[in-house]
Amino acid sequence: PTTTDWAAWHTALVRLIDALPGAWPIGTVL
């Protein structure tokens, strides 16, 4: 949402990106 406080969510966003597995199913999107 346009009103989301990204400063508050920064840690969770970085945590998600760091957790992405290296092997990825071809032709897919998260």
PDB file of all heavy atoms in Angstrom:
ATOM      1  N   PRO A   1       0.838  -1.204   0.000  1.00  0.00           N
ATOM      2  CA  PRO A   1       0.000   0.000   0.000  1.00  0.00           C
ATOM      3  C   PRO A   1       0.872   1.253   0.000  1.00  0.00           C
ATOM      4  O   PRO A   1       1.991   1.241   0.516  1.00  0.00           O
ATOM      5  CB  PRO A   1      -0.805  -0.115   1.305  1.00  0.00           C
ATOM      6  CG  PRO A   1      -0.769  -1.574   1.645  1.00  0.00           C
ATOM      7  CD  PRO A   1       0.557  -2.074   1.158  1.00  0.00           C
ATOM      8  N   THR A   2       0.353   2.323  -0.565  1.00  0.00           N
ATOM      9  CA  THR A   2       1.142   3.553  -0.649  1.00  0.00           C
ATOM     10  C   THR A   2       1.459   4.128   0.725  1.00  0.00           C
ATOM     11  O   THR A   2       2.398   4.911   0.874  1.00  0.00           O
ATOM     12  CB  THR A   2       0.391   4.616  -1.463  1.00  0.00           C
ATOM     13  OG1 THR A   2      -0.908   4.808  -0.890  1.00  0.00           O
ATOM     14  CG2 THR A   2       0.232   4.159  -2.905  1.00  0.00           C
ATOM     15  N   THR A   3       0.703   3.719   1.738  1.00  0.00           N
ATOM     16  CA  THR A   3       0.919   4.249   3.092  1.00  0.00           C
ATOM     17  C   THR A   3       1.831   3.376   3.943  1.00  0.00           C
ATOM     18  O   THR A   3       2.037   3.657   5.123  1.00  0.00           O
ATOM     19  CB  THR A   3      -0.433   4.400   3.813  1.00  0.00           C
ATOM     20  OG1 THR A   3      -1.130   3.145   3.770  1.00  0.00           O
ATOM     21  CG2 THR A   3      -1.295   5.460   3.135  1.00  0.00           C
ATOM     22  N   THR A   4       2.382   2.320   3.370  1.00  0.00           N
ATOM     23  CA  THR A   4       3.259   1.433   4.133  1.00  0.00           C
ATOM     24  C   THR A   4       4.524   2.172   4.584  1.00  0.00           C
ATOM     25  O   THR A   4       5.142   2.903   3.815  1.00  0.00           O
ATOM     26  CB  THR A   4       3.663   0.211   3.281  1.00  0.00           C
ATOM     27  OG1 THR A   4       2.503  -0.565   2.991  1.00  0.00           O
ATOM     28  CG2 THR A   4       4.664  -0.673   4.028  1.00  0.00           C
ATOM     29  N   ASP A   5       4.896   1.973   5.831  1.00  0.00           N
ATOM     30  CA  ASP A   5       6.106   2.578   6.392  1.00  0.00           C
ATOM     31  C   ASP A   5       7.293   1.666   6.075  1.00  0.00           C
ATOM     32  O   ASP A   5       7.537   0.681   6.764  1.00  0.00           O
ATOM     33  CB  ASP A   5       5.945   2.744   7.906  1.00  0.00           C
ATOM     34  CG  ASP A   5       7.174   3.394   8.551  1.00  0.00           C
ATOM     35  OD1 ASP A   5       8.144   3.682   7.833  1.00  0.00           O
ATOM     36  OD2 ASP A   5       7.144   3.587   9.773  1.00  0.00           O
ATOM     37  N   TRP A   6       8.072   2.019   5.039  1.00  0.00           N
ATOM     38  CA  TRP A   6       9.146   1.136   4.608  1.00  0.00           C
ATOM     39  C   TRP A   6      10.315   1.112   5.566  1.00  0.00           C
ATOM     40  O   TRP A   6      11.052   0.129   5.623  1.00  0.00           O
ATOM     41  CB  TRP A   6       9.598   1.509   3.192  1.00  0.00           C
ATOM     42  CG  TRP A   6       8.679   0.910   2.192  1.00  0.00           C
ATOM     43  CD1 TRP A   6       7.789   1.561   1.400  1.00  0.00           C
ATOM     44  CD2 TRP A   6       8.522  -0.476   1.922  1.00  0.00           C
ATOM     45  NE1 TRP A   6       7.080   0.665   0.655  1.00  0.00           N
ATOM     46  CE2 TRP A   6       7.513  -0.602   0.946  1.00  0.00           C
ATOM     47  CE3 TRP A   6       9.120  -1.632   2.417  1.00  0.00           C
ATOM     48  CZ2 TRP A   6       7.102  -1.831   0.451  1.00  0.00           C
ATOM     49  CZ3 TRP A   6       8.704  -2.852   1.917  1.00  0.00           C
ATOM     50  CH2 TRP A   6       7.720  -2.944   0.949  1.00  0.00           C
ATOM     51  N   ALA A   7      10.498   2.160   6.310  1.00  0.00           N
ATOM     52  CA  ALA A   7      11.565   2.137   7.311  1.00  0.00           C
ATOM     53  C   ALA A   7      11.294   1.048   8.342  1.00  0.00           C
ATOM     54  O   ALA A   7      12.203   0.337   8.788  1.00  0.00           O
ATOM     55  CB  ALA A   7      11.672   3.503   7.986  1.00  0.00           C
ATOM     56  N   ALA A   8      10.017   0.863   8.695  1.00  0.00           N
ATOM     57  CA  ALA A   8       9.654  -0.160   9.673  1.00  0.00           C
ATOM     58  C   ALA A   8       9.803  -1.565   9.094  1.00  0.00           C
ATOM     59  O   ALA A   8      10.112  -2.517   9.823  1.00  0.00           O
ATOM     60  CB  ALA A   8       8.218   0.058  10.150  1.00  0.00           C
ATOM     61  N   TRP A   9       9.587  -1.698   7.778  1.00  0.00           N
ATOM     62  CA  TRP A   9       9.621  -3.025   7.152  1.00  0.00           C
ATOM     63  C   TRP A   9      10.989  -3.387   6.577  1.00  0.00           C
ATOM     64  O   TRP A   9      11.170  -4.472   6.019  1.00  0.00           O
ATOM     65  CB  TRP A   9       8.574  -3.096   6.038  1.00  0.00           C
ATOM     66  CG  TRP A   9       7.196  -3.398   6.543  1.00  0.00           C
ATOM     67  CD1 TRP A   9       6.170  -2.521   6.701  1.00  0.00           C
ATOM     68  CD2 TRP A   9       6.711  -4.669   6.965  1.00  0.00           C
ATOM     69  NE1 TRP A   9       5.053  -3.163   7.192  1.00  0.00           N
ATOM     70  CE2 TRP A   9       5.354  -4.493   7.361  1.00  0.00           C
ATOM     71  CE3 TRP A   9       7.265  -5.946   7.050  1.00  0.00           C
ATOM     72  CZ2 TRP A   9       4.566  -5.528   7.834  1.00  0.00           C
ATOM     73  CZ3 TRP A   9       6.487  -6.986   7.516  1.00  0.00           C
ATOM     74  CH2 TRP A   9       5.157  -6.777   7.899  1.00  0.00           C
ATOM     75  N   HIS A  10      11.978  -2.506   6.714  1.00  0.00           N
ATOM     76  CA  HIS A  10      13.270  -2.733   6.068  1.00  0.00           C
ATOM     77  C   HIS A  10      13.906  -4.050   6.483  1.00  0.00           C
ATOM     78  O   HIS A  10      14.382  -4.825   5.646  1.00  0.00           O
ATOM     79  CB  HIS A  10      14.213  -1.563   6.386  1.00  0.00           C
ATOM     80  CG  HIS A  10      15.593  -1.745   5.816  1.00  0.00           C
ATOM     81  ND1 HIS A  10      16.632  -2.295   6.530  1.00  0.00           N
ATOM     82  CD2 HIS A  10      16.084  -1.474   4.587  1.00  0.00           C
ATOM     83  CE1 HIS A  10      17.706  -2.344   5.774  1.00  0.00           C
ATOM     84  NE2 HIS A  10      17.412  -1.848   4.596  1.00  0.00           N
ATOM     85  N   THR A  11      13.911  -4.343   7.782  1.00  0.00           N
ATOM     86  CA  THR A  11      14.543  -5.569   8.268  1.00  0.00           C
ATOM     87  C   THR A  11      13.877  -6.808   7.684  1.00  0.00           C
ATOM     88  O   THR A  11      14.553  -7.762   7.261  1.00  0.00           O
ATOM     89  CB  THR A  11      14.492  -5.629   9.807  1.00  0.00           C
ATOM     90  OG1 THR A  11      15.196  -4.501  10.341  1.00  0.00           O
ATOM     91  CG2 THR A  11      15.133  -6.909  10.318  1.00  0.00           C
ATOM     92  N   ALA A  12      12.550  -6.804   7.622  1.00  0.00           N
ATOM     93  CA  ALA A  12      11.829  -7.954   7.079  1.00  0.00           C
ATOM     94  C   ALA A  12      12.106  -8.118   5.588  1.00  0.00           C
ATOM     95  O   ALA A  12      12.236  -9.246   5.081  1.00  0.00           O
ATOM     96  CB  ALA A  12      10.326  -7.798   7.319  1.00  0.00           C
ATOM     97  N   LEU A  13      12.222  -7.008   4.865  1.00  0.00           N
ATOM     98  CA  LEU A  13      12.498  -7.069   3.434  1.00  0.00           C
ATOM     99  C   LEU A  13      13.877  -7.669   3.183  1.00  0.00           C
ATOM    100  O   LEU A  13      14.038  -8.558   2.335  1.00  0.00           O
ATOM    101  CB  LEU A  13      12.409  -5.660   2.845  1.00  0.00           C
ATOM    102  CG  LEU A  13      12.722  -5.520   1.355  1.00  0.00           C
ATOM    103  CD1 LEU A  13      11.748  -6.322   0.523  1.00  0.00           C
ATOM    104  CD2 LEU A  13      12.685  -4.051   0.948  1.00  0.00           C
ATOM    105  N   VAL A  14      14.873  -7.205   3.929  1.00  0.00           N
ATOM    106  CA  VAL A  14      16.227  -7.747   3.776  1.00  0.00           C
ATOM    107  C   VAL A  14      16.256  -9.225   4.160  1.00  0.00           C
ATOM    108  O   VAL A  14      16.911 -10.041   3.490  1.00  0.00           O
ATOM    109  CB  VAL A  14      17.215  -6.939   4.639  1.00  0.00           C
ATOM    110  CG1 VAL A  14      18.588  -7.605   4.651  1.00  0.00           C
ATOM    111  CG2 VAL A  14      17.320  -5.515   4.120  1.00  0.00           C
ATOM    112  N   ARG A  15      15.538  -9.579   5.196  1.00  0.00           N
ATOM    113  CA  ARG A  15      15.477 -10.981   5.634  1.00  0.00           C
ATOM    114  C   ARG A  15      14.923 -11.879   4.541  1.00  0.00           C
ATOM    115  O   ARG A  15      15.435 -12.974   4.293  1.00  0.00           O
ATOM    116  CB  ARG A  15      14.606 -11.067   6.887  1.00  0.00           C
ATOM    117  CG  ARG A  15      14.326 -12.475   7.386  1.00  0.00           C
ATOM    118  CD  ARG A  15      13.397 -12.420   8.580  1.00  0.00           C
ATOM    119  NE  ARG A  15      12.797 -13.702   8.877  1.00  0.00           N
ATOM    120  CZ  ARG A  15      11.726 -13.861   9.645  1.00  0.00           C
ATOM    121  NH1 ARG A  15      11.145 -12.803  10.185  1.00  0.00           N
ATOM    122  NH2 ARG A  15      11.230 -15.054   9.873  1.00  0.00           N
ATOM    123  N   LEU A  16      13.900 -11.406   3.846  1.00  0.00           N
ATOM    124  CA  LEU A  16      13.300 -12.196   2.774  1.00  0.00           C
ATOM    125  C   LEU A  16      14.271 -12.368   1.614  1.00  0.00           C
ATOM    126  O   LEU A  16      14.454 -13.477   1.095  1.00  0.00           O
ATOM    127  CB  LEU A  16      12.012 -11.529   2.299  1.00  0.00           C
ATOM    128  CG  LEU A  16      11.337 -12.156   1.078  1.00  0.00           C
ATOM    129  CD1 LEU A  16      10.946 -13.598   1.363  1.00  0.00           C
ATOM    130  CD2 LEU A  16      10.122 -11.345   0.661  1.00  0.00           C
ATOM    131  N   ILE A  17      14.916 -11.278   1.200  1.00  0.00           N
ATOM    132  CA  ILE A  17      15.855 -11.368   0.080  1.00  0.00           C
ATOM    133  C   ILE A  17      17.020 -12.294   0.423  1.00  0.00           C
ATOM    134  O   ILE A  17      17.441 -13.120  -0.399  1.00  0.00           O
ATOM    135  CB  ILE A  17      16.356  -9.964  -0.301  1.00  0.00           C
ATOM    136  CG1 ILE A  17      15.189  -9.121  -0.847  1.00  0.00           C
ATOM    137  CG2 ILE A  17      17.479 -10.050  -1.325  1.00  0.00           C
ATOM    138  CD1 ILE A  17      15.562  -7.680  -1.123  1.00  0.00           C
ATOM    139  N   ASP A  18      17.530 -12.195   1.635  1.00  0.00           N
ATOM    140  CA  ASP A  18      18.640 -13.050   2.051  1.00  0.00           C
ATOM    141  C   ASP A  18      18.231 -14.526   2.092  1.00  0.00           C
ATOM    142  O   ASP A  18      19.078 -15.413   1.942  1.00  0.00           O
ATOM    143  CB  ASP A  18      19.149 -12.629   3.431  1.00  0.00           C
ATOM    144  CG  ASP A  18      19.941 -11.331   3.388  1.00  0.00           C
ATOM    145  OD1 ASP A  18      20.345 -10.929   2.277  1.00  0.00           O
ATOM    146  OD2 ASP A  18      20.144 -10.722   4.452  1.00  0.00           O
ATOM    147  N   ALA A  19      16.940 -14.798   2.314  1.00  0.00           N
ATOM    148  CA  ALA A  19      16.473 -16.175   2.456  1.00  0.00           C
ATOM    149  C   ALA A  19      16.179 -16.855   1.123  1.00  0.00           C
ATOM    150  O   ALA A  19      15.947 -18.059   1.092  1.00  0.00           O
ATOM    151  CB  ALA A  19      15.212 -16.210   3.323  1.00  0.00           C
ATOM    152  N   LEU A  20      16.201 -16.111   0.028  1.00  0.00           N
ATOM    153  CA  LEU A  20      15.857 -16.712  -1.266  1.00  0.00           C
ATOM    154  C   LEU A  20      16.822 -17.840  -1.604  1.00  0.00           C
ATOM    155  O   LEU A  20      18.035 -17.660  -1.592  1.00  0.00           O
ATOM    156  CB  LEU A  20      15.906 -15.649  -2.367  1.00  0.00           C
ATOM    157  CG  LEU A  20      14.857 -14.539  -2.290  1.00  0.00           C
ATOM    158  CD1 LEU A  20      15.141 -13.478  -3.351  1.00  0.00           C
ATOM    159  CD2 LEU A  20      13.463 -15.102  -2.468  1.00  0.00           C
ATOM    160  N   PRO A  21      16.291 -19.035  -1.905  1.00  0.00           N
ATOM    161  CA  PRO A  21      17.165 -20.162  -2.258  1.00  0.00           C
ATOM    162  C   PRO A  21      17.917 -19.885  -3.558  1.00  0.00           C
ATOM    163  O   PRO A  21      17.441 -19.162  -4.433  1.00  0.00           O
ATOM    164  CB  PRO A  21      16.177 -21.324  -2.431  1.00  0.00           C
ATOM    165  CG  PRO A  21      14.939 -20.911  -1.692  1.00  0.00           C
ATOM    166  CD  PRO A  21      14.880 -19.417  -1.838  1.00  0.00           C
ATOM    167  N   GLY A  22      19.096 -20.486  -3.681  1.00  0.00           N
ATOM    168  CA  GLY A  22      19.861 -20.314  -4.900  1.00  0.00           C
ATOM    169  C   GLY A  22      19.239 -21.016  -6.092  1.00  0.00           C
ATOM    170  O   GLY A  22      19.193 -20.476  -7.197  1.00  0.00           O
ATOM    171  N   ALA A  23      18.765 -22.235  -5.891  1.00  0.00           N
ATOM    172  CA  ALA A  23      18.112 -22.983  -6.968  1.00  0.00           C
ATOM    173  C   ALA A  23      16.684 -22.472  -7.119  1.00  0.00           C
ATOM    174  O   ALA A  23      15.933 -22.411  -6.150  1.00  0.00           O
ATOM    175  CB  ALA A  23      18.122 -24.469  -6.652  1.00  0.00           C
ATOM    176  N   TRP A  24      16.303 -22.132  -8.346  1.00  0.00           N
ATOM    177  CA  TRP A  24      15.018 -21.477  -8.590  1.00  0.00           C
ATOM    178  C   TRP A  24      14.287 -22.209  -9.713  1.00  0.00           C
ATOM    179  O   TRP A  24      14.855 -22.464 -10.767  1.00  0.00           O
ATOM    180  CB  TRP A  24      15.262 -20.036  -8.988  1.00  0.00           C
ATOM    181  CG  TRP A  24      14.086 -19.113  -8.864  1.00  0.00           C
ATOM    182  CD1 TRP A  24      12.982 -19.113  -9.656  1.00  0.00           C
ATOM    183  CD2 TRP A  24      13.912 -18.063  -7.935  1.00  0.00           C
ATOM    184  NE1 TRP A  24      12.126 -18.118  -9.271  1.00  0.00           N
ATOM    185  CE2 TRP A  24      12.673 -17.455  -8.215  1.00  0.00           C
ATOM    186  CE3 TRP A  24      14.688 -17.562  -6.894  1.00  0.00           C
ATOM    187  CZ2 TRP A  24      12.194 -16.370  -7.486  1.00  0.00           C
ATOM    188  CZ3 TRP A  24      14.214 -16.486  -6.178  1.00  0.00           C
ATOM    189  CH2 TRP A  24      12.977 -15.904  -6.463  1.00  0.00           C
ATOM    190  N   PRO A  25      13.006 -22.522  -9.547  1.00  0.00           N
ATOM    191  CA  PRO A  25      12.265 -23.177 -10.630  1.00  0.00           C
ATOM    192  C   PRO A  25      12.192 -22.280 -11.865  1.00  0.00           C
ATOM    193  O   PRO A  25      11.817 -21.102 -11.762  1.00  0.00           O
ATOM    194  CB  PRO A  25      10.864 -23.394 -10.031  1.00  0.00           C
ATOM    195  CG  PRO A  25      11.052 -23.295  -8.555  1.00  0.00           C
ATOM    196  CD  PRO A  25      12.185 -22.337  -8.342  1.00  0.00           C
ATOM    197  N   ILE A  26      12.563 -22.809 -13.011  1.00  0.00           N
ATOM    198  CA  ILE A  26      12.564 -22.032 -14.240  1.00  0.00           C
ATOM    199  C   ILE A  26      11.135 -21.582 -14.580  1.00  0.00           C
ATOM    200  O   ILE A  26      10.173 -22.335 -14.447  1.00  0.00           O
ATOM    201  CB  ILE A  26      13.133 -22.867 -15.404  1.00  0.00           C
ATOM    202  CG1 ILE A  26      14.604 -23.216 -15.116  1.00  0.00           C
ATOM    203  CG2 ILE A  26      13.017 -22.114 -16.722  1.00  0.00           C
ATOM    204  CD1 ILE A  26      15.505 -22.014 -14.999  1.00  0.00           C
ATOM    205  N   GLY A  27      11.000 -20.340 -15.028  1.00  0.00           N
ATOM    206  CA  GLY A  27       9.706 -19.835 -15.472  1.00  0.00           C
ATOM    207  C   GLY A  27       8.753 -19.466 -14.356  1.00  0.00           C
ATOM    208  O   GLY A  27       7.544 -19.407 -14.565  1.00  0.00           O
ATOM    209  N   THR A  28       9.287 -19.179 -13.161  1.00  0.00           N
ATOM    210  CA  THR A  28       8.423 -18.858 -12.029  1.00  0.00           C
ATOM    211  C   THR A  28       8.805 -17.517 -11.410  1.00  0.00           C
ATOM    212  O   THR A  28       9.918 -17.028 -11.581  1.00  0.00           O
ATOM    213  CB  THR A  28       8.485 -19.944 -10.942  1.00  0.00           C
ATOM    214  OG1 THR A  28       9.828 -20.014 -10.434  1.00  0.00           O
ATOM    215  CG2 THR A  28       8.089 -21.298 -11.495  1.00  0.00           C
ATOM    216  N   VAL A  29       7.852 -16.953 -10.677  1.00  0.00           N
ATOM    217  CA  VAL A  29       8.011 -15.644 -10.054  1.00  0.00           C
ATOM    218  C   VAL A  29       7.464 -15.707  -8.641  1.00  0.00           C
ATOM    219  O   VAL A  29       6.465 -16.380  -8.379  1.00  0.00           O
ATOM    220  CB  VAL A  29       7.249 -14.568 -10.859  1.00  0.00           C
ATOM    221  CG1 VAL A  29       7.080 -13.286 -10.072  1.00  0.00           C
ATOM    222  CG2 VAL A  29       7.955 -14.295 -12.182  1.00  0.00           C
ATOM    223  N   LEU A  30       8.112 -15.007  -7.729  1.00  0.00           N
ATOM    224  CA  LEU A  30       7.603 -14.852  -6.377  1.00  0.00           C
ATOM    225  C   LEU A  30       6.989 -13.464  -6.257  1.00  0.00           C
ATOM    226  O   LEU A  30       7.677 -12.456  -6.454  1.00  0.00           O
ATOM    227  CB  LEU A  30       8.716 -15.028  -5.349  1.00  0.00           C
ATOM    228  CG  LEU A  30       8.340 -14.776  -3.880  1.00  0.00           C
ATOM    229  CD1 LEU A  30       7.278 -15.767  -3.424  1.00  0.00           C
ATOM    230  CD2 LEU A  30       9.565 -14.857  -2.987  1.00  0.00           C
TER     231      LEU A  30
END
